[in-house]
Amino acid sequence: ASTLSKIENRRWETPELRKKGKLATGGLKFLKEKIPKADLE
């Protein structure tokens, strides 16, 4: 089971998914900067 989970984890560590993750977090940061903090609370 442990080896299977390791393979599963590796499958998600592809450059494409990392790019998507970075884009998602970058988008969140961008939105937080654009929207006043008062609107988020």
N, C-alpha and C. Protein backbone atom coordinates (compact mmCIF):
# COMPACT_ATOMS: atom_id res chain seq x y z
N ALA A 1 0.84 -1.21 0.00
CA ALA A 1 0.00 0.00 0.00
C ALA A 1 0.87 1.25 0.00
N SER A 2 1.97 1.20 0.74
CA SER A 2 2.84 2.38 0.84
C SER A 2 3.44 2.73 -0.52
N THR A 3 3.84 1.70 -1.28
CA THR A 3 4.41 1.98 -2.60
C THR A 3 3.37 2.57 -3.53
N LEU A 4 2.14 2.09 -3.43
CA LEU A 4 1.06 2.62 -4.27
C LEU A 4 0.82 4.09 -3.97
N SER A 5 0.78 4.44 -2.69
CA SER A 5 0.55 5.84 -2.32
C SER A 5 1.70 6.71 -2.81
N LYS A 6 2.92 6.18 -2.78
CA LYS A 6 4.06 6.94 -3.27
C LYS A 6 3.90 7.25 -4.75
N ILE A 7 3.46 6.24 -5.52
CA ILE A 7 3.25 6.44 -6.96
C ILE A 7 2.13 7.46 -7.18
N GLU A 8 1.07 7.35 -6.39
CA GLU A 8 -0.05 8.30 -6.50
C GLU A 8 0.45 9.73 -6.25
N ASN A 9 1.27 9.89 -5.21
CA ASN A 9 1.78 11.22 -4.89
C ASN A 9 2.64 11.76 -6.03
N ARG A 10 3.49 10.90 -6.61
CA ARG A 10 4.36 11.34 -7.68
C ARG A 10 3.57 11.78 -8.90
N ARG A 11 2.47 11.09 -9.15
CA ARG A 11 1.67 11.42 -10.33
C ARG A 11 1.20 12.87 -10.28
N TRP A 12 0.95 13.37 -9.06
CA TRP A 12 0.45 14.75 -8.94
C TRP A 12 1.58 15.77 -8.97
N GLU A 13 2.82 15.31 -8.88
CA GLU A 13 3.95 16.25 -8.86
C GLU A 13 4.51 16.48 -10.25
N THR A 14 3.63 16.67 -11.24
CA THR A 14 4.08 16.94 -12.60
C THR A 14 4.27 18.45 -12.77
N PRO A 15 5.19 18.86 -13.64
CA PRO A 15 5.42 20.30 -13.87
C PRO A 15 4.15 21.05 -14.22
N GLU A 16 3.26 20.40 -14.97
CA GLU A 16 2.03 21.06 -15.39
C GLU A 16 1.15 21.39 -14.18
N LEU A 17 1.01 20.42 -13.28
CA LEU A 17 0.18 20.64 -12.09
C LEU A 17 0.84 21.68 -11.18
N ARG A 18 2.18 21.66 -11.12
CA ARG A 18 2.87 22.67 -10.30
C ARG A 18 2.60 24.06 -10.87
N LYS A 19 2.65 24.17 -12.20
CA LYS A 19 2.35 25.45 -12.86
C LYS A 19 0.94 25.90 -12.51
N LYS A 20 -0.02 24.97 -12.60
CA LYS A 20 -1.41 25.30 -12.30
C LYS A 20 -1.55 25.76 -10.85
N GLY A 21 -0.85 25.08 -9.95
CA GLY A 21 -0.89 25.45 -8.54
C GLY A 21 -0.32 26.84 -8.32
N LYS A 22 0.81 27.14 -9.00
CA LYS A 22 1.42 28.46 -8.87
C LYS A 22 0.49 29.53 -9.44
N LEU A 23 -0.16 29.22 -10.56
CA LEU A 23 -1.09 30.17 -11.16
C LEU A 23 -2.26 30.42 -10.22
N ALA A 24 -2.74 29.36 -9.57
CA ALA A 24 -3.88 29.49 -8.66
C ALA A 24 -3.50 30.36 -7.46
N THR A 25 -2.34 30.10 -6.86
CA THR A 25 -1.93 30.90 -5.70
C THR A 25 -1.61 32.32 -6.13
N GLY A 26 -1.01 32.48 -7.31
CA GLY A 26 -0.73 33.82 -7.82
C GLY A 26 -2.01 34.60 -8.05
N GLY A 27 -3.02 33.92 -8.57
CA GLY A 27 -4.32 34.56 -8.80
C GLY A 27 -4.95 35.00 -7.50
N LEU A 28 -4.84 34.15 -6.47
CA LEU A 28 -5.40 34.50 -5.16
C LEU A 28 -4.71 35.73 -4.59
N LYS A 29 -3.37 35.77 -4.71
CA LYS A 29 -2.62 36.92 -4.21
C LYS A 29 -3.05 38.18 -4.96
N PHE A 30 -3.20 38.06 -6.28
CA PHE A 30 -3.61 39.19 -7.11
C PHE A 30 -4.97 39.70 -6.69
N LEU A 31 -5.91 38.78 -6.46
CA LEU A 31 -7.26 39.17 -6.04
C LEU A 31 -7.23 39.86 -4.69
N LYS A 32 -6.44 39.32 -3.77
CA LYS A 32 -6.35 39.91 -2.44
C LYS A 32 -5.81 41.33 -2.52
N GLU A 33 -4.86 41.56 -3.44
CA GLU A 33 -4.29 42.90 -3.59
C GLU A 33 -5.29 43.85 -4.23
N LYS A 34 -6.06 43.35 -5.19
CA LYS A 34 -7.03 44.20 -5.89
C LYS A 34 -8.21 44.56 -4.99
N ILE A 35 -8.69 43.58 -4.22
CA ILE A 35 -9.84 43.82 -3.36
C ILE A 35 -9.37 44.38 -2.01
N PRO A 36 -9.94 45.49 -1.58
CA PRO A 36 -9.57 46.05 -0.26
C PRO A 36 -9.78 45.02 0.83
N LYS A 37 -8.91 45.03 1.84
CA LYS A 37 -9.00 44.05 2.92
C LYS A 37 -10.34 44.13 3.64
N ALA A 38 -10.92 45.30 3.70
CA ALA A 38 -12.21 45.46 4.38
C ALA A 38 -13.29 44.60 3.70
N ASP A 39 -13.20 44.45 2.37
CA ASP A 39 -14.20 43.66 1.65
C ASP A 39 -14.05 42.17 1.93
N LEU A 40 -12.83 41.74 2.26
CA LEU A 40 -12.59 40.31 2.50
C LEU A 40 -13.07 39.89 3.89
N GLU A 41 -13.08 40.80 4.84
CA GLU A 41 -13.43 40.44 6.22
C GLU A 41 -14.92 40.28 6.42
